[in-house]
Structures are given as C-alpha cells and as structure tokens.
Amino acid sequence: MASAVGVIATCDGPTLIHCVAGKDRTGVTVALALRLLGISREQVIEEYLLTNRIAGELVHRLRSHHKRMSFRDGTRPVTVDNVQAPRALLEAAMDRWDDHPHGVVGWFRDAGGDTDTITLLKVRLLPA
C-alpha cells in the first residue's frame, strides 16, 4: 500500500486505482491516501461505503461479462454479497493505523513510506 500511495503522490497525471468493486485492497489503499491527507475517519468510511449503494448495478454489469467471480478458494456466483464493501474491514485497517504510536503517518513510514511522499501527496491533491 505504501508503494501505491507513492505512485499516487508522484505520477505526472491522474492515477487510476481499480478493481471490480473498489473495496478490499483497492478501497483500503485509497483510504490510506485519504487519511494521510488528513481526511477524517468518518468521511473516509462514508466514501468507502458508497460502493454498497451501487452494488446492484455492479452485479448487473459483472454478470453481463462473467457469471462467476474468481476467489482464492475457487469461483463463486456474482452476487451483491461479494461486491459489498464491508465497513468492518476498513475499520479494522484504520484501527491498526490509529493504534500505531505515531498514528497513520507512523504506520505508513513503518510500511515503507516516507514523509516526503506524504508532502508530495498533499501538494498534488489538496487545494492550495
């Protein structure tokens, strides 16, 4: 995740981070970037949970291309349940960041990020 945030902070143009539903690794990576920008925990959760509002549309779109989704433990039918963004997943990640002695910034540094990356991220994404 630290590497992905580094890409967001340093690429020359827009950055696209995607997966099927924008949850799990993708959603948590974006949440990390947002928290490093100083966005509140509740606002990040609210944004993450927007996936759930469009879960039915995602399922419809996925089913038109794939009847089943691949998971590590096999394939499963495409359902609303497996595209939902679970609040508990994001809260657990943010708990870990917040429980670090130096908060999310300390966790990010321990994960291989640095404060220069955070500065670049802020310069690039926050209004002047």
N, C-alpha and C. Protein backbone atom coordinates (compact mmCIF):
# COMPACT_ATOMS: atom_id res chain seq x y z
N MET A 1 0.82 -1.19 0.00
CA MET A 1 0.00 0.00 0.00
C MET A 1 0.86 1.25 0.00
N ALA A 2 2.00 1.20 0.70
CA ALA A 2 2.88 2.37 0.71
C ALA A 2 3.38 2.67 -0.70
N SER A 3 3.67 1.65 -1.46
CA SER A 3 4.12 1.84 -2.85
C SER A 3 3.02 2.46 -3.70
N ALA A 4 1.81 2.00 -3.53
CA ALA A 4 0.69 2.55 -4.29
C ALA A 4 0.48 4.02 -3.96
N VAL A 5 0.56 4.37 -2.69
CA VAL A 5 0.43 5.77 -2.30
C VAL A 5 1.57 6.58 -2.91
N GLY A 6 2.76 5.99 -2.98
CA GLY A 6 3.88 6.65 -3.63
C GLY A 6 3.62 6.95 -5.09
N VAL A 7 2.96 6.03 -5.78
CA VAL A 7 2.60 6.26 -7.18
C VAL A 7 1.60 7.41 -7.29
N ILE A 8 0.60 7.41 -6.43
CA ILE A 8 -0.38 8.49 -6.43
C ILE A 8 0.31 9.84 -6.23
N ALA A 9 1.27 9.87 -5.33
CA ALA A 9 1.94 11.12 -4.98
C ALA A 9 2.89 11.62 -6.06
N THR A 10 3.41 10.71 -6.89
CA THR A 10 4.49 11.11 -7.79
C THR A 10 4.18 11.01 -9.27
N CYS A 11 3.07 10.44 -9.67
CA CYS A 11 2.83 10.32 -11.11
C CYS A 11 2.49 11.68 -11.70
N ASP A 12 2.72 11.80 -13.01
CA ASP A 12 2.55 13.08 -13.69
C ASP A 12 1.10 13.46 -13.95
N GLY A 13 0.23 12.51 -13.97
CA GLY A 13 -1.16 12.80 -14.30
C GLY A 13 -2.09 12.12 -13.34
N PRO A 14 -3.34 11.99 -13.74
CA PRO A 14 -4.31 11.29 -12.88
C PRO A 14 -3.89 9.85 -12.62
N THR A 15 -4.30 9.33 -11.50
CA THR A 15 -3.98 7.96 -11.12
C THR A 15 -5.27 7.17 -11.02
N LEU A 16 -5.30 6.02 -11.66
CA LEU A 16 -6.46 5.14 -11.58
C LEU A 16 -6.08 3.93 -10.74
N ILE A 17 -6.81 3.74 -9.66
CA ILE A 17 -6.64 2.55 -8.83
C ILE A 17 -7.98 1.84 -8.91
N HIS A 18 -7.97 0.61 -9.39
CA HIS A 18 -9.26 -0.03 -9.60
C HIS A 18 -9.22 -1.52 -9.32
N CYS A 19 -10.40 -2.02 -9.13
CA CYS A 19 -10.66 -3.45 -9.07
C CYS A 19 -12.12 -3.60 -9.47
N VAL A 20 -12.70 -4.71 -9.21
CA VAL A 20 -14.09 -4.92 -9.60
C VAL A 20 -15.04 -3.97 -8.88
N ALA A 21 -14.92 -3.89 -7.55
CA ALA A 21 -15.89 -3.12 -6.78
C ALA A 21 -15.29 -1.96 -5.99
N GLY A 22 -13.99 -1.81 -5.99
CA GLY A 22 -13.39 -0.69 -5.25
C GLY A 22 -13.36 -0.89 -3.75
N LYS A 23 -13.26 -2.11 -3.32
CA LYS A 23 -13.25 -2.39 -1.89
C LYS A 23 -11.96 -3.16 -1.59
N ASP A 24 -11.89 -3.87 -0.52
CA ASP A 24 -10.74 -4.68 -0.16
C ASP A 24 -9.44 -3.90 -0.36
N ARG A 25 -8.47 -4.46 -1.07
CA ARG A 25 -7.15 -3.80 -1.19
C ARG A 25 -7.25 -2.42 -1.82
N THR A 26 -8.03 -2.30 -2.86
CA THR A 26 -8.16 -1.02 -3.55
C THR A 26 -8.76 0.03 -2.62
N GLY A 27 -9.87 -0.30 -2.01
CA GLY A 27 -10.53 0.65 -1.11
C GLY A 27 -9.67 1.02 0.08
N VAL A 28 -8.95 0.06 0.63
CA VAL A 28 -8.11 0.32 1.79
C VAL A 28 -6.91 1.18 1.38
N THR A 29 -6.37 0.96 0.20
CA THR A 29 -5.25 1.78 -0.29
C THR A 29 -5.70 3.22 -0.47
N VAL A 30 -6.85 3.43 -1.06
CA VAL A 30 -7.38 4.79 -1.24
C VAL A 30 -7.68 5.40 0.13
N ALA A 31 -8.21 4.61 1.05
CA ALA A 31 -8.47 5.11 2.40
C ALA A 31 -7.18 5.56 3.07
N LEU A 32 -6.11 4.82 2.87
CA LEU A 32 -4.81 5.20 3.44
C LEU A 32 -4.37 6.56 2.89
N ALA A 33 -4.47 6.72 1.58
CA ALA A 33 -4.08 8.00 0.98
C ALA A 33 -4.94 9.14 1.55
N LEU A 34 -6.24 8.91 1.67
CA LEU A 34 -7.12 9.94 2.20
C LEU A 34 -6.78 10.29 3.65
N ARG A 35 -6.51 9.27 4.45
CA ARG A 35 -6.15 9.52 5.85
C ARG A 35 -4.83 10.29 5.95
N LEU A 36 -3.87 9.98 5.07
CA LEU A 36 -2.60 10.70 5.06
C LEU A 36 -2.81 12.17 4.66
N LEU A 37 -3.87 12.43 3.90
CA LEU A 37 -4.21 13.80 3.53
C LEU A 37 -4.93 14.54 4.64
N GLY A 38 -5.28 13.82 5.71
CA GLY A 38 -5.95 14.45 6.84
C GLY A 38 -7.47 14.35 6.79
N ILE A 39 -8.00 13.56 5.88
CA ILE A 39 -9.44 13.37 5.79
C ILE A 39 -9.90 12.57 7.01
N SER A 40 -11.00 12.95 7.60
CA SER A 40 -11.47 12.31 8.83
C SER A 40 -11.83 10.84 8.60
N ARG A 41 -11.72 10.10 9.64
CA ARG A 41 -12.05 8.67 9.62
C ARG A 41 -13.48 8.46 9.13
N GLU A 42 -14.44 9.20 9.69
CA GLU A 42 -15.84 9.02 9.29
C GLU A 42 -16.08 9.38 7.84
N GLN A 43 -15.42 10.42 7.36
CA GLN A 43 -15.59 10.80 5.96
C GLN A 43 -15.03 9.73 5.03
N VAL A 44 -13.91 9.14 5.41
CA VAL A 44 -13.31 8.06 4.61
C VAL A 44 -14.25 6.85 4.60
N ILE A 45 -14.81 6.50 5.74
CA ILE A 45 -15.74 5.37 5.80
C ILE A 45 -16.96 5.64 4.93
N GLU A 46 -17.50 6.85 5.03
CA GLU A 46 -18.67 7.21 4.23
C GLU A 46 -18.37 7.06 2.73
N GLU A 47 -17.22 7.51 2.31
CA GLU A 47 -16.82 7.40 0.90
C GLU A 47 -16.67 5.94 0.49
N TYR A 48 -16.02 5.16 1.34
CA TYR A 48 -15.80 3.73 1.07
C TYR A 48 -17.13 2.98 0.91
N LEU A 49 -18.08 3.34 1.73
CA LEU A 49 -19.37 2.64 1.71
C LEU A 49 -20.25 3.01 0.52
N LEU A 50 -19.85 4.01 -0.27
CA LEU A 50 -20.61 4.35 -1.47
C LEU A 50 -20.71 3.16 -2.42
N THR A 51 -19.72 2.26 -2.39
CA THR A 51 -19.77 1.05 -3.21
C THR A 51 -21.06 0.28 -2.96
N ASN A 52 -21.51 0.26 -1.72
CA ASN A 52 -22.70 -0.51 -1.38
C ASN A 52 -23.97 0.05 -2.03
N ARG A 53 -23.99 1.35 -2.28
CA ARG A 53 -25.14 1.95 -2.94
C ARG A 53 -25.31 1.47 -4.37
N ILE A 54 -24.18 1.12 -5.01
CA ILE A 54 -24.25 0.72 -6.42
C ILE A 54 -23.98 -0.77 -6.60
N ALA A 55 -24.06 -1.53 -5.52
CA ALA A 55 -23.77 -2.97 -5.59
C ALA A 55 -24.64 -3.67 -6.61
N GLY A 56 -25.92 -3.36 -6.65
CA GLY A 56 -26.82 -3.99 -7.62
C GLY A 56 -26.40 -3.71 -9.05
N GLU A 57 -26.03 -2.47 -9.33
CA GLU A 57 -25.57 -2.10 -10.67
C GLU A 57 -24.26 -2.83 -11.02
N LEU A 58 -23.35 -2.92 -10.04
CA LEU A 58 -22.10 -3.65 -10.26
C LEU A 58 -22.37 -5.11 -10.60
N VAL A 59 -23.26 -5.72 -9.86
CA VAL A 59 -23.60 -7.13 -10.11
C VAL A 59 -24.16 -7.29 -11.51
N HIS A 60 -25.06 -6.42 -11.90
CA HIS A 60 -25.65 -6.48 -13.24
C HIS A 60 -24.55 -6.38 -14.31
N ARG A 61 -23.64 -5.42 -14.14
CA ARG A 61 -22.56 -5.22 -15.10
C ARG A 61 -21.62 -6.44 -15.13
N LEU A 62 -21.27 -6.95 -13.95
CA LEU A 62 -20.38 -8.11 -13.89
C LEU A 62 -21.02 -9.35 -14.52
N ARG A 63 -22.29 -9.55 -14.24
CA ARG A 63 -22.97 -10.73 -14.79
C ARG A 63 -23.05 -10.69 -16.31
N SER A 64 -23.05 -9.50 -16.88
CA SER A 64 -23.10 -9.42 -18.34
C SER A 64 -21.78 -9.89 -18.96
N HIS A 65 -20.71 -9.91 -18.17
CA HIS A 65 -19.41 -10.37 -18.66
C HIS A 65 -18.96 -11.69 -18.03
N HIS A 66 -19.31 -11.88 -16.79
CA HIS A 66 -18.86 -13.06 -16.05
C HIS A 66 -20.01 -13.58 -15.19
N LYS A 67 -20.25 -14.84 -15.27
CA LYS A 67 -21.30 -15.42 -14.42
C LYS A 67 -20.75 -15.73 -13.02
N ARG A 68 -19.44 -15.91 -12.94
CA ARG A 68 -18.81 -16.25 -11.67
C ARG A 68 -17.60 -15.34 -11.46
N MET A 69 -17.25 -15.12 -10.19
CA MET A 69 -16.06 -14.34 -9.85
C MET A 69 -15.02 -15.30 -9.30
N SER A 70 -13.77 -15.04 -9.60
CA SER A 70 -12.69 -15.88 -9.09
C SER A 70 -12.23 -15.38 -7.73
N PHE A 71 -12.10 -16.29 -6.81
CA PHE A 71 -11.58 -16.02 -5.48
C PHE A 71 -10.47 -17.03 -5.22
N ARG A 72 -9.63 -16.75 -4.25
CA ARG A 72 -8.53 -17.67 -3.94
C ARG A 72 -9.01 -19.09 -3.67
N ASP A 73 -10.20 -19.20 -3.07
CA ASP A 73 -10.71 -20.52 -2.70
C ASP A 73 -11.68 -21.07 -3.74
N GLY A 74 -11.61 -20.57 -4.95
CA GLY A 74 -12.47 -21.08 -6.01
C GLY A 74 -13.32 -19.97 -6.61
N THR A 75 -14.29 -20.35 -7.40
CA THR A 75 -15.17 -19.35 -8.01
C THR A 75 -16.51 -19.35 -7.30
N ARG A 76 -17.17 -18.22 -7.36
CA ARG A 76 -18.49 -18.08 -6.75
C ARG A 76 -19.37 -17.30 -7.71
N PRO A 77 -20.66 -17.51 -7.63
CA PRO A 77 -21.55 -16.70 -8.45
C PRO A 77 -21.39 -15.21 -8.11
N VAL A 78 -21.60 -14.35 -9.08
CA VAL A 78 -21.56 -12.91 -8.84
C VAL A 78 -22.84 -12.54 -8.09
N THR A 79 -22.69 -12.02 -6.88
CA THR A 79 -23.84 -11.63 -6.07
C THR A 79 -23.56 -10.28 -5.42
N VAL A 80 -24.61 -9.66 -4.92
CA VAL A 80 -24.45 -8.40 -4.20
C VAL A 80 -23.53 -8.60 -3.00
N ASP A 81 -23.65 -9.76 -2.33
CA ASP A 81 -22.83 -10.01 -1.14
C ASP A 81 -21.33 -9.95 -1.43
N ASN A 82 -20.89 -10.44 -2.60
CA ASN A 82 -19.45 -10.43 -2.82
C ASN A 82 -18.93 -9.18 -3.52
N VAL A 83 -19.77 -8.16 -3.68
CA VAL A 83 -19.27 -6.86 -4.11
C VAL A 83 -19.50 -5.79 -3.05
N GLN A 84 -20.13 -6.14 -1.94
CA GLN A 84 -20.34 -5.19 -0.85
C GLN A 84 -19.00 -4.78 -0.23
N ALA A 85 -18.89 -3.52 0.14
CA ALA A 85 -17.71 -3.02 0.86
C ALA A 85 -17.99 -3.17 2.35
N PRO A 86 -17.30 -4.09 3.01
CA PRO A 86 -17.60 -4.32 4.43
C PRO A 86 -16.98 -3.26 5.34
N ARG A 87 -17.82 -2.53 6.03
CA ARG A 87 -17.38 -1.47 6.94
C ARG A 87 -16.34 -2.01 7.93
N ALA A 88 -16.56 -3.21 8.44
CA ALA A 88 -15.65 -3.78 9.44
C ALA A 88 -14.23 -3.94 8.90
N LEU A 89 -14.10 -4.25 7.62
CA LEU A 89 -12.77 -4.41 7.02
C LEU A 89 -12.02 -3.08 7.07
N LEU A 90 -12.66 -2.02 6.64
CA LEU A 90 -12.00 -0.72 6.64
C LEU A 90 -11.74 -0.24 8.07
N GLU A 91 -12.69 -0.45 8.95
CA GLU A 91 -12.48 -0.03 10.33
C GLU A 91 -11.31 -0.76 10.96
N ALA A 92 -11.15 -2.05 10.65
CA ALA A 92 -10.02 -2.81 11.20
C ALA A 92 -8.69 -2.24 10.70
N ALA A 93 -8.63 -1.89 9.42
CA ALA A 93 -7.40 -1.30 8.88
C ALA A 93 -7.13 0.04 9.54
N MET A 94 -8.15 0.87 9.66
CA MET A 94 -7.94 2.19 10.26
C MET A 94 -7.64 2.09 11.75
N ASP A 95 -8.19 1.09 12.43
CA ASP A 95 -7.84 0.86 13.84
C ASP A 95 -6.35 0.59 13.97
N ARG A 96 -5.83 -0.22 13.06
CA ARG A 96 -4.40 -0.54 13.09
C ARG A 96 -3.57 0.73 12.88
N TRP A 97 -3.98 1.56 11.90
CA TRP A 97 -3.24 2.80 11.66
C TRP A 97 -3.33 3.72 12.87
N ASP A 98 -4.54 3.88 13.40
CA ASP A 98 -4.75 4.80 14.51
C ASP A 98 -4.10 4.31 15.81
N ASP A 99 -3.96 3.00 15.96
CA ASP A 99 -3.34 2.43 17.16
C ASP A 99 -1.82 2.52 17.13
N HIS A 100 -1.24 2.82 15.99
CA HIS A 100 0.22 2.99 15.90
C HIS A 100 0.61 4.17 16.79
N PRO A 101 1.73 4.08 17.50
CA PRO A 101 2.13 5.18 18.38
C PRO A 101 2.21 6.54 17.69
N HIS A 102 2.46 6.56 16.39
CA HIS A 102 2.53 7.81 15.64
C HIS A 102 1.42 7.91 14.61
N GLY A 103 0.31 7.22 14.88
CA GLY A 103 -0.87 7.30 14.02
C GLY A 103 -0.62 6.79 12.62
N VAL A 104 -1.45 7.23 11.70
CA VAL A 104 -1.40 6.74 10.33
C VAL A 104 -0.07 7.08 9.66
N VAL A 105 0.50 8.23 10.00
CA VAL A 105 1.79 8.60 9.41
C VAL A 105 2.88 7.64 9.88
N GLY A 106 2.87 7.31 11.14
CA GLY A 106 3.85 6.35 11.66
C GLY A 106 3.69 4.98 11.04
N TRP A 107 2.44 4.54 10.90
CA TRP A 107 2.19 3.24 10.26
C TRP A 107 2.72 3.27 8.83
N PHE A 108 2.43 4.34 8.11
CA PHE A 108 2.87 4.48 6.72
C PHE A 108 4.40 4.43 6.63
N ARG A 109 5.08 5.13 7.51
CA ARG A 109 6.56 5.09 7.49
C ARG A 109 7.06 3.69 7.79
N ASP A 110 6.46 3.02 8.76
CA ASP A 110 6.88 1.65 9.09
C ASP A 110 6.61 0.68 7.93
N ALA A 111 5.63 1.01 7.09
CA ALA A 111 5.28 0.15 5.95
C ALA A 111 6.14 0.46 4.72
N GLY A 112 7.09 1.38 4.85
CA GLY A 112 7.98 1.68 3.74
C GLY A 112 7.78 3.04 3.11
N GLY A 113 6.79 3.79 3.57
CA GLY A 113 6.57 5.14 3.04
C GLY A 113 7.46 6.13 3.75
N ASP A 114 7.45 7.36 3.28
CA ASP A 114 8.24 8.39 3.94
C ASP A 114 7.46 9.71 3.95
N THR A 115 7.94 10.63 4.76
CA THR A 115 7.23 11.90 4.91
C THR A 115 7.29 12.72 3.63
N ASP A 116 8.33 12.57 2.81
CA ASP A 116 8.38 13.28 1.52
C ASP A 116 7.22 12.87 0.64
N THR A 117 6.88 11.59 0.66
CA THR A 117 5.74 11.10 -0.13
C THR A 117 4.45 11.75 0.35
N ILE A 118 4.29 11.87 1.66
CA ILE A 118 3.08 12.49 2.21
C ILE A 118 3.02 13.96 1.78
N THR A 119 4.15 14.64 1.83
CA THR A 119 4.20 16.04 1.39
C THR A 119 3.81 16.16 -0.07
N LEU A 120 4.37 15.30 -0.93
CA LEU A 120 4.03 15.32 -2.36
C LEU A 120 2.56 15.02 -2.58
N LEU A 121 2.03 14.07 -1.83
CA LEU A 121 0.62 13.73 -1.92
C LEU A 121 -0.25 14.95 -1.62
N LYS A 122 0.09 15.66 -0.57
CA LYS A 122 -0.68 16.84 -0.18
C LYS A 122 -0.57 17.95 -1.23
N VAL A 123 0.63 18.18 -1.75
CA VAL A 123 0.83 19.21 -2.76
C VAL A 123 0.02 18.87 -4.01
N ARG A 124 0.01 17.60 -4.37
CA ARG A 124 -0.65 17.16 -5.59
C ARG A 124 -2.17 17.16 -5.48
N LEU A 125 -2.70 16.78 -4.31
CA LEU A 125 -4.14 16.53 -4.21
C LEU A 125 -4.95 17.53 -3.39
N LEU A 126 -4.29 18.33 -2.58
CA LEU A 126 -5.05 19.30 -1.79
C LEU A 126 -5.02 20.67 -2.45
N PRO A 127 -6.11 21.40 -2.35
CA PRO A 127 -6.12 22.74 -2.95
C PRO A 127 -5.10 23.64 -2.26
N ALA A 128 -4.54 24.53 -3.02
CA ALA A 128 -3.51 25.44 -2.48
C ALA A 128 -4.09 26.45 -1.54
